């Protein structure tokens, strides 16, 4: 404490602080003096806790203004006049179906442990409410204003005030009570006509064949024919593996990871998409990722321009394209420039080569690039598993866009 006192009395140090900072420092010293720390470590830990407290507030500036604070933020502060509003507000009667106790206990509604845990939590919440009420009521130096409403289910704060004789019927001579007088009801003169609805009140926009915000990949999936239930369930598990494989491969390509770098490859399994798989499945997943990355590296400098030859290179470029009454959103796998030519590559880990299935998706990507940058990029699918690159002609991309469902104009 002596060190802190010396610090706040050092004029050289104080001249570096603004007036509000100096006031906060004085308040901090006052609060620290009340704690009586046994050693410097305890003081430093106390300072650390206060610095990280999300409810801690700065000392209000001087003047005649009104400060609006939560009870937590008002800790350690005082004012001549303090008002605490809505003391009768209670907690909602509905309880959560799943409860977690302060000691980590978990109980589901309908199980034997639910009611005891609910009672313990209610008791702890009431005790915390009493502590907050004490903090709120002790902030005032001269005048304390309290408001509340009579209700059939008062909150814990209102119940405490009633028990202390501070309710509407109390007789404490130090407490003044001000009942709210209801406003007189004004009788309307004559019968008033109901206002006529606006001419557009009944108008409803015609439905669009596509949602307002949509992704090209979701559009492609929605057009696929539905499968039998058994086949669909089996395919769901396979799709999770395929999704994880595609995510990890795209992540590695975007960061130019080397499949021979064991540390970088092992770190791929720390991605969230790999968590659901067993250790054996993770090993198989990583082996397949390495094989696809090796095939991608073989394509560089051959079917794909090398990284060194690219003057501009943008991996995983997000896009938003308003078109046809829908806002299309997605991610471009790779957009880059070699000399004066722009390339738009989309990497695929599919087992089969079906370029037509992705023509509309690539057409949207190419249109987004054209509108954003004013360039005609050569759009291509890179089938990593097969080592093939399929390029779409500009005519094929325009035809795909012309076949897109359009917004139905209002009738």
Protein backbone atom coordinates (compact mmCIF):
# COMPACT_ATOMS: atom_id res chain seq x y z
CA UNK A 1 0.00 0.00 0.00
CA UNK A 2 2.86 2.37 0.71
CA UNK A 3 4.15 1.78 -2.81
CA UNK A 4 0.74 2.59 -4.28
CA UNK A 5 0.45 5.73 -2.18
CA UNK A 6 3.85 6.89 -3.38
CA UNK A 7 2.77 6.25 -6.96
CA UNK A 8 -0.42 8.34 -6.78
CA UNK A 9 1.52 11.18 -5.13
CA UNK A 10 4.19 11.25 -7.85
CA UNK A 11 3.51 14.41 -9.87
CA UNK A 12 5.58 13.21 -12.83
CA UNK A 13 3.40 10.11 -13.09
CA UNK A 14 0.12 11.96 -12.49
CA UNK A 15 0.81 14.50 -15.22
CA UNK A 16 0.67 11.65 -17.72
CA UNK A 17 -2.91 10.82 -16.76
CA UNK A 18 -6.12 12.47 -17.84
CA UNK A 19 -8.45 13.71 -15.06
CA UNK A 20 -10.77 10.73 -15.41
CA UNK A 21 -7.86 8.29 -15.22
CA UNK A 22 -6.63 10.00 -12.05
CA UNK A 23 -10.10 9.69 -10.51
CA UNK A 24 -10.18 6.00 -11.35
CA UNK A 25 -6.74 5.57 -9.81
CA UNK A 26 -7.87 7.24 -6.60
CA UNK A 27 -10.93 4.96 -6.44
CA UNK A 28 -8.76 1.92 -7.07
CA UNK A 29 -6.44 2.91 -4.21
CA UNK A 30 -9.44 3.39 -1.92
CA UNK A 31 -10.81 -0.06 -2.74
CA UNK A 32 -7.40 -1.67 -2.35
CA UNK A 33 -6.91 -0.07 1.07
CA UNK A 34 -10.03 -1.85 2.35
CA UNK A 35 -8.70 -5.29 1.42
CA UNK A 36 -5.60 -5.37 3.69
CA UNK A 37 -3.52 -7.66 1.44
CA UNK A 38 -1.01 -9.88 3.29
CA UNK A 39 1.61 -9.64 0.50
CA UNK A 40 2.30 -8.16 -2.93
CA UNK A 41 1.19 -11.38 -4.70
CA UNK A 42 -2.30 -11.05 -3.23
CA UNK A 43 -2.48 -7.43 -4.41
CA UNK A 44 -1.39 -8.35 -7.94
CA UNK A 45 -3.95 -11.16 -8.11
CA UNK A 46 -6.66 -8.76 -6.91
CA UNK A 47 -5.70 -6.25 -9.61
CA UNK A 48 -5.75 -9.00 -12.25
CA UNK A 49 -9.24 -10.14 -11.25
CA UNK A 50 -10.61 -6.59 -11.35
CA UNK A 51 -8.99 -5.92 -14.72
CA UNK A 52 -10.70 -8.99 -16.20
CA UNK A 53 -14.11 -8.39 -14.57
CA UNK A 54 -16.58 -7.74 -17.45
CA UNK A 55 -18.96 -6.00 -15.05
CA UNK A 56 -16.38 -3.54 -13.70
CA UNK A 57 -17.13 0.02 -14.70
CA UNK A 58 -15.09 3.18 -14.77
CA UNK A 59 -15.59 5.76 -12.07
CA UNK A 60 -18.32 8.12 -13.33
CA UNK A 61 -17.14 11.58 -14.25
CA UNK A 62 -17.96 14.51 -12.08
CA UNK A 63 -20.79 16.92 -12.73
CA UNK A 64 -24.54 16.94 -12.31
CA UNK A 65 -25.27 14.24 -14.85
CA UNK A 66 -27.10 10.94 -14.32
CA UNK A 67 -25.17 7.68 -14.44
CA UNK A 68 -26.91 4.50 -15.64
CA UNK A 69 -25.18 1.36 -14.34
CA UNK A 70 -25.88 -2.24 -13.52
CA UNK A 71 -25.61 -3.30 -9.90
CA UNK A 72 -22.38 -5.17 -10.64
CA UNK A 73 -20.80 -2.12 -12.24
CA UNK A 74 -21.76 0.05 -9.24
CA UNK A 75 -19.70 -1.97 -6.77
CA UNK A 76 -17.41 0.25 -4.70
CA UNK A 77 -19.05 3.50 -5.89
CA UNK A 78 -21.36 5.96 -4.10
CA UNK A 79 -23.64 8.86 -5.08
CA UNK A 80 -25.73 11.37 -3.12
CA UNK A 81 -28.91 10.06 -4.79
CA UNK A 82 -29.44 6.53 -6.08
CA UNK A 83 -32.55 5.06 -7.72
CA UNK A 84 -33.18 1.33 -8.09
CA UNK A 85 -36.05 0.48 -10.41
CA UNK A 86 -38.46 -2.44 -10.78
CA UNK A 87 -37.67 -4.19 -7.50
CA UNK A 88 -40.74 -6.43 -7.82
CA UNK A 89 -39.62 -8.11 -11.01
CA UNK A 90 -39.37 -11.86 -10.52
CA UNK A 91 -37.87 -14.76 -12.40
CA UNK A 92 -39.96 -16.52 -15.08
CA UNK A 93 -41.84 -19.54 -13.66
CA UNK A 94 -40.72 -21.94 -16.41
CA UNK A 95 -37.60 -23.93 -15.60
CA UNK A 96 -35.03 -25.16 -18.06
CA UNK A 97 -35.35 -28.82 -19.10
CA UNK A 98 -31.65 -29.36 -18.38
CA UNK A 99 -30.04 -28.01 -15.20
CA UNK A 100 -26.32 -27.69 -14.43
CA UNK A 101 -25.41 -27.16 -10.77
CA UNK A 102 -22.64 -25.00 -9.38
CA UNK A 103 -20.58 -28.10 -8.67
CA UNK A 104 -21.00 -29.47 -12.18
CA UNK A 105 -24.02 -31.70 -11.45
CA UNK A 106 -26.33 -32.27 -14.43
CA UNK A 107 -29.99 -33.29 -14.23
CA UNK A 108 -32.64 -33.69 -16.92
CA UNK A 109 -36.26 -32.80 -16.27
CA UNK A 110 -38.21 -35.87 -15.17
CA UNK A 111 -35.21 -37.63 -13.59
CA UNK A 112 -34.92 -38.18 -9.80
CA UNK A 113 -32.10 -35.67 -9.41
CA UNK A 114 -33.90 -32.80 -11.16
CA UNK A 115 -36.02 -31.44 -8.28
CA UNK A 116 -33.22 -31.46 -5.66
CA UNK A 117 -30.88 -29.71 -8.08
CA UNK A 118 -33.59 -27.20 -9.01
CA UNK A 119 -34.13 -26.43 -5.33
CA UNK A 120 -30.40 -25.96 -4.71
CA UNK A 121 -30.08 -23.65 -7.70
CA UNK A 122 -33.10 -21.62 -6.61
CA UNK A 123 -31.61 -21.21 -3.14
CA UNK A 124 -28.25 -20.15 -4.57
CA UNK A 125 -29.96 -17.67 -6.91
CA UNK A 126 -31.92 -16.14 -4.03
CA UNK A 127 -28.77 -15.75 -1.96
CA UNK A 128 -27.02 -14.08 -4.88
CA UNK A 129 -30.05 -11.81 -5.33
CA UNK A 130 -29.83 -10.77 -1.67
CA UNK A 131 -26.15 -9.91 -2.07
CA UNK A 132 -26.90 -7.81 -5.15
CA UNK A 133 -29.73 -6.05 -3.32
CA UNK A 134 -27.34 -5.09 -0.51
CA UNK A 135 -24.89 -3.68 -3.09
CA UNK A 136 -27.66 -1.73 -4.79
CA UNK A 137 -29.11 -0.24 -1.58
CA UNK A 138 -25.73 0.71 -0.12
CA UNK A 139 -24.67 2.94 -3.04
CA UNK A 140 -26.66 5.95 -1.79
CA UNK A 141 -25.18 8.49 0.66
CA UNK A 142 -28.24 10.70 1.21
CA UNK A 143 -31.34 9.61 -0.71
CA UNK A 144 -32.41 6.17 -1.96
CA UNK A 145 -35.34 5.89 -4.38
CA UNK A 146 -36.98 2.49 -4.91
CA UNK A 147 -39.76 1.59 -7.33
CA UNK A 148 -41.79 -1.60 -7.66
CA UNK A 149 -45.17 -3.00 -8.62
CA UNK A 150 -47.61 -5.09 -6.60
CA UNK A 151 -47.98 -8.47 -8.22
CA UNK A 152 -49.01 -12.01 -7.40
CA UNK A 153 -45.48 -13.27 -7.98
CA UNK A 154 -43.02 -10.72 -6.54
CA UNK A 155 -39.29 -11.20 -6.97
CA UNK A 156 -36.87 -11.91 -4.12
CA UNK A 157 -35.94 -8.23 -3.73
CA UNK A 158 -39.56 -7.23 -3.16
CA UNK A 159 -40.04 -10.08 -0.67
CA UNK A 160 -37.06 -8.93 1.38
CA UNK A 161 -38.34 -5.35 1.52
CA UNK A 162 -41.74 -6.60 2.66
CA UNK A 163 -40.11 -8.69 5.40
CA UNK A 164 -38.15 -5.62 6.55
CA UNK A 165 -41.34 -3.58 6.84
CA UNK A 166 -40.45 -1.42 3.84
CA UNK A 167 -43.43 -2.37 1.72
CA UNK A 168 -46.41 -0.13 0.85
CA UNK A 169 -48.01 -0.76 4.26
CA UNK A 170 -44.87 -0.30 6.37
CA UNK A 171 -44.62 2.32 9.12
CA UNK A 172 -40.90 3.08 9.20
CA UNK A 173 -40.68 6.86 9.89
CA UNK A 174 -37.53 7.22 7.77
CA UNK A 175 -39.29 5.88 4.68
CA UNK A 176 -41.62 7.97 2.52
CA UNK A 177 -44.05 6.12 0.30
CA UNK A 178 -45.44 7.54 -2.93
CA UNK A 179 -48.36 5.65 -4.40
CA UNK A 180 -48.95 5.93 -8.11
CA UNK A 181 -52.27 7.61 -8.84
CA UNK A 182 -53.94 6.12 -11.91
CA UNK A 183 -54.57 8.53 -14.75
CA UNK A 184 -58.23 9.41 -15.34
CA UNK A 185 -59.73 7.70 -18.34
CA UNK A 186 -60.80 10.11 -21.04
CA UNK A 187 -64.11 9.24 -22.63
CA UNK A 188 -64.08 9.71 -26.40
CA UNK A 189 -66.50 12.27 -27.79
CA UNK A 190 -68.74 10.54 -30.25
CA UNK A 191 -67.99 7.39 -32.20
CA UNK A 192 -64.66 7.41 -33.98
CA UNK A 193 -64.30 5.78 -37.34
CA UNK A 194 -61.71 3.08 -37.67
CA UNK A 195 -58.81 4.20 -39.83
CA UNK A 196 -58.81 2.82 -43.33
CA UNK A 197 -56.00 0.42 -44.21
CA UNK A 198 -53.30 1.62 -46.54
CA UNK A 199 -53.74 0.56 -50.17
CA UNK A 200 -50.67 -1.68 -49.93
CA UNK A 201 -51.70 -3.42 -46.67
CA UNK A 202 -53.09 -6.51 -48.42
CA UNK A 203 -50.29 -6.80 -50.97
CA UNK A 204 -48.15 -9.92 -50.76
CA UNK A 205 -45.09 -10.48 -52.93
CA UNK A 206 -45.28 -13.42 -55.27
CA UNK A 207 -43.11 -16.36 -54.22
CA UNK A 208 -39.71 -16.74 -55.81
CA UNK A 209 -38.56 -20.16 -57.07
CA UNK A 210 -35.35 -19.72 -55.05
CA UNK A 211 -34.63 -18.48 -51.50
CA UNK A 212 -33.33 -14.97 -50.98
CA UNK A 213 -29.89 -16.20 -49.90
CA UNK A 214 -28.61 -19.43 -51.39
CA UNK A 215 -25.38 -21.27 -52.14
CA UNK A 216 -24.64 -22.88 -55.52
CA UNK A 217 -23.73 -26.18 -53.85
CA UNK A 218 -27.06 -26.27 -51.99
CA UNK A 219 -28.87 -25.57 -55.26
CA UNK A 220 -27.13 -28.54 -56.87
CA UNK A 221 -28.01 -30.86 -53.97
CA UNK A 222 -31.66 -29.79 -54.03
CA UNK A 223 -31.90 -30.78 -57.69
CA UNK A 224 -30.64 -34.33 -56.99
CA UNK A 225 -33.30 -37.03 -56.95
CA UNK A 226 -34.27 -38.32 -53.46
CA UNK A 227 -32.84 -41.70 -52.45
CA UNK A 228 -34.46 -44.60 -50.52
CA UNK A 229 -34.21 -44.25 -46.74
CA UNK A 230 -31.69 -47.07 -46.21
CA UNK A 231 -29.47 -45.78 -48.99
CA UNK A 232 -29.81 -42.23 -47.70
CA UNK A 233 -28.75 -43.21 -44.15
CA UNK A 234 -25.76 -45.14 -45.47
CA UNK A 235 -24.84 -42.24 -47.70
CA UNK A 236 -25.09 -39.80 -44.78
CA UNK A 237 -22.19 -41.49 -42.97
CA UNK A 238 -20.19 -41.57 -46.18
CA UNK A 239 -20.96 -37.90 -46.82
CA UNK A 240 -19.55 -36.94 -43.40
CA UNK A 241 -16.27 -38.62 -44.30
CA UNK A 242 -16.30 -37.01 -47.75
CA UNK A 243 -17.05 -33.61 -46.22
CA UNK A 244 -14.15 -33.94 -43.79
CA UNK A 245 -11.85 -35.07 -46.58
CA UNK A 246 -12.82 -32.17 -48.81
CA UNK A 247 -12.49 -29.64 -45.99
CA UNK A 248 -9.00 -30.80 -45.00
CA UNK A 249 -7.77 -30.98 -48.61
CA UNK A 250 -9.07 -27.50 -49.43
CA UNK A 251 -7.56 -26.13 -46.20
CA UNK A 252 -4.15 -27.65 -47.03
CA UNK A 253 -4.17 -26.45 -50.65
CA UNK A 254 -5.15 -22.90 -49.64
CA UNK A 255 -2.12 -22.79 -47.33
CA UNK A 256 0.22 -24.60 -49.76
CA UNK A 257 0.98 -27.31 -47.20
CA UNK A 258 3.52 -29.98 -48.13
CA UNK A 259 2.21 -33.58 -47.78
CA UNK A 260 5.73 -34.59 -46.71
CA UNK A 261 5.57 -32.23 -43.71
CA UNK A 262 4.47 -34.66 -40.99
CA UNK A 263 3.87 -31.90 -38.43
CA UNK A 264 1.60 -29.94 -40.76
CA UNK A 265 -0.26 -33.10 -41.77
CA UNK A 266 -0.83 -34.22 -38.17
CA UNK A 267 -2.13 -30.74 -37.33
CA UNK A 268 -4.88 -31.20 -39.93
CA UNK A 269 -6.57 -33.73 -37.65
CA UNK A 270 -7.03 -30.95 -35.07
CA UNK A 271 -9.70 -29.47 -37.35
CA UNK A 272 -13.21 -29.82 -35.97
CA UNK A 273 -14.42 -31.88 -38.94
CA UNK A 274 -12.04 -34.70 -37.91
CA UNK A 275 -13.26 -34.96 -34.31
CA UNK A 276 -16.16 -37.44 -34.87
CA UNK A 277 -13.93 -40.15 -36.37
CA UNK A 278 -12.11 -42.97 -34.61
CA UNK A 279 -8.33 -43.20 -34.58
CA UNK A 280 -8.39 -45.74 -37.41
CA UNK A 281 -10.69 -43.55 -39.48
CA UNK A 282 -8.47 -40.53 -38.82
CA UNK A 283 -5.42 -42.45 -40.03
CA UNK A 284 -7.24 -43.44 -43.23
CA UNK A 285 -8.51 -39.88 -43.65
CA UNK A 286 -5.02 -38.41 -43.30
CA UNK A 287 -3.53 -40.95 -45.73
CA UNK A 288 -6.12 -40.00 -48.34
CA UNK A 289 -5.49 -36.28 -47.76
CA UNK A 290 -1.75 -36.81 -48.32
CA UNK A 291 -2.40 -38.74 -51.54
CA UNK A 292 -4.66 -36.01 -52.94
CA UNK A 293 -2.19 -33.28 -51.98
CA UNK A 294 0.60 -35.22 -53.68
CA UNK A 295 -1.55 -35.49 -56.84
CA UNK A 296 -2.22 -31.73 -56.68
CA UNK A 297 1.51 -31.03 -56.44
CA UNK A 298 2.10 -33.18 -59.51
CA UNK A 299 -0.34 -31.01 -61.46
CA UNK A 300 1.51 -27.78 -60.55
CA UNK A 301 3.76 -26.72 -63.38
CA UNK A 302 1.96 -29.14 -65.73
CA UNK A 303 -1.82 -28.90 -66.09
CA UNK A 304 -1.86 -26.08 -63.52
CA UNK A 305 0.45 -23.05 -63.50
CA UNK A 306 3.12 -23.24 -60.83
CA UNK A 307 2.79 -21.07 -57.74
CA UNK A 308 5.90 -19.11 -58.74
CA UNK A 309 4.37 -18.19 -62.12
CA UNK A 310 1.35 -16.49 -60.55
CA UNK A 311 1.47 -12.70 -60.37
CA UNK A 312 -1.66 -12.60 -58.17
CA UNK A 313 -3.03 -15.50 -56.16
CA UNK A 314 -6.18 -15.51 -53.99
CA UNK A 315 -7.10 -18.77 -52.17
CA UNK A 316 -10.53 -19.26 -50.57
CA UNK A 317 -12.02 -16.00 -51.78
CA UNK A 318 -15.58 -15.42 -50.45
CA UNK A 319 -18.23 -14.19 -52.86
CA UNK A 320 -21.70 -12.67 -52.70
CA UNK A 321 -23.56 -12.32 -55.99
CA UNK A 322 -27.10 -10.87 -56.34
CA UNK A 323 -28.54 -12.54 -59.44
CA UNK A 324 -31.96 -13.72 -60.58
CA UNK A 325 -33.82 -12.62 -57.46
CA UNK A 326 -31.43 -14.54 -55.17
CA UNK A 327 -28.25 -13.59 -53.33
CA UNK A 328 -25.74 -16.36 -54.05
CA UNK A 329 -22.92 -16.89 -51.60
CA UNK A 330 -19.95 -19.23 -51.60
CA UNK A 331 -16.17 -19.49 -51.61
CA UNK A 332 -13.87 -19.52 -54.64
CA UNK A 333 -11.23 -22.21 -54.10
CA UNK A 334 -8.55 -20.34 -56.04
CA UNK A 335 -8.44 -17.25 -58.25
CA UNK A 336 -5.07 -16.26 -59.71
CA UNK A 337 -3.43 -14.42 -62.59
CA UNK A 338 -0.57 -15.61 -64.81
CA UNK A 339 0.56 -12.81 -67.07
CA UNK A 340 -2.69 -11.35 -68.47
CA UNK A 341 -4.74 -14.54 -68.02
CA UNK A 342 -6.99 -15.14 -65.01
CA UNK A 343 -7.80 -18.65 -63.81
CA UNK A 344 -10.66 -19.75 -61.56
CA UNK A 345 -10.00 -23.25 -60.19
CA UNK A 346 -12.44 -25.32 -58.15
CA UNK A 347 -10.92 -28.43 -56.53
CA UNK A 348 -12.92 -31.66 -56.42
CA UNK A 349 -12.23 -34.84 -54.46
CA UNK A 350 -15.07 -36.76 -56.12
CA UNK A 351 -14.79 -40.42 -57.02
CA UNK A 352 -16.32 -39.81 -60.46
CA UNK A 353 -15.74 -37.10 -63.07
CA UNK A 354 -19.03 -35.31 -63.83
CA UNK A 355 -18.27 -31.72 -64.91
CA UNK A 356 -21.87 -30.99 -65.91
CA UNK A 357 -22.99 -31.41 -62.30
CA UNK A 358 -20.94 -28.32 -61.38
CA UNK A 359 -21.43 -26.18 -64.49
CA UNK A 360 -24.02 -23.86 -62.91
CA UNK A 361 -21.92 -23.44 -59.75
CA UNK A 362 -18.80 -22.53 -61.77
CA UNK A 363 -20.86 -20.21 -63.96
CA UNK A 364 -21.98 -18.27 -60.87
CA UNK A 365 -18.39 -18.05 -59.63
CA UNK A 366 -17.15 -16.78 -62.99
CA UNK A 367 -19.97 -14.22 -63.17
CA UNK A 368 -19.08 -12.95 -59.68
CA UNK A 369 -15.44 -12.51 -60.74
CA UNK A 370 -16.48 -10.70 -63.90
CA UNK A 371 -18.68 -8.25 -62.01
CA UNK A 372 -16.23 -7.67 -59.16
CA UNK A 373 -12.96 -7.41 -61.11
CA UNK A 374 -14.11 -6.84 -64.68
CA UNK A 375 -12.11 -9.82 -65.99
CA UNK A 376 -13.09 -13.03 -67.80
CA UNK A 377 -11.51 -15.82 -65.78
CA UNK A 378 -10.96 -19.26 -67.28
CA UNK A 379 -13.17 -21.44 -65.09
CA UNK A 380 -11.99 -25.00 -64.48
CA UNK A 381 -12.66 -28.02 -62.35
CA UNK A 382 -9.57 -29.74 -60.91
CA UNK A 383 -10.31 -33.40 -60.17
CA UNK A 384 -7.54 -34.23 -57.71
CA UNK A 385 -8.28 -37.94 -57.45
CA UNK A 386 -8.02 -38.41 -61.22
CA UNK A 387 -5.41 -35.75 -61.95
CA UNK A 388 -7.68 -34.13 -64.55
CA UNK A 389 -8.50 -30.49 -65.28
CA UNK A 390 -11.78 -29.71 -67.04
CA UNK A 391 -12.18 -26.21 -68.51
CA UNK A 392 -15.59 -24.71 -69.32
CA UNK A 393 -16.04 -22.57 -72.39
CA UNK A 394 -17.53 -19.08 -71.98
CA UNK A 395 -20.52 -20.22 -74.08
CA UNK A 396 -21.21 -23.15 -71.74
CA UNK A 397 -21.12 -20.85 -68.70
CA UNK A 398 -23.50 -18.33 -70.30
CA UNK A 399 -25.89 -21.13 -71.22
CA UNK A 400 -25.87 -22.36 -67.59
CA UNK A 401 -26.78 -18.89 -66.32
CA UNK A 402 -29.57 -18.54 -68.90
CA UNK A 403 -31.13 -21.77 -67.63
CA UNK A 404 -31.22 -20.52 -64.02
CA UNK A 405 -34.71 -20.11 -62.50
CA UNK A 406 -35.71 -16.46 -62.54
CA UNK A 407 -37.68 -14.47 -60.03
CA UNK A 408 -41.39 -14.40 -60.84
CA UNK A 409 -42.39 -10.75 -61.45
CA UNK A 410 -45.27 -9.39 -59.36
CA UNK A 411 -48.65 -9.83 -61.04
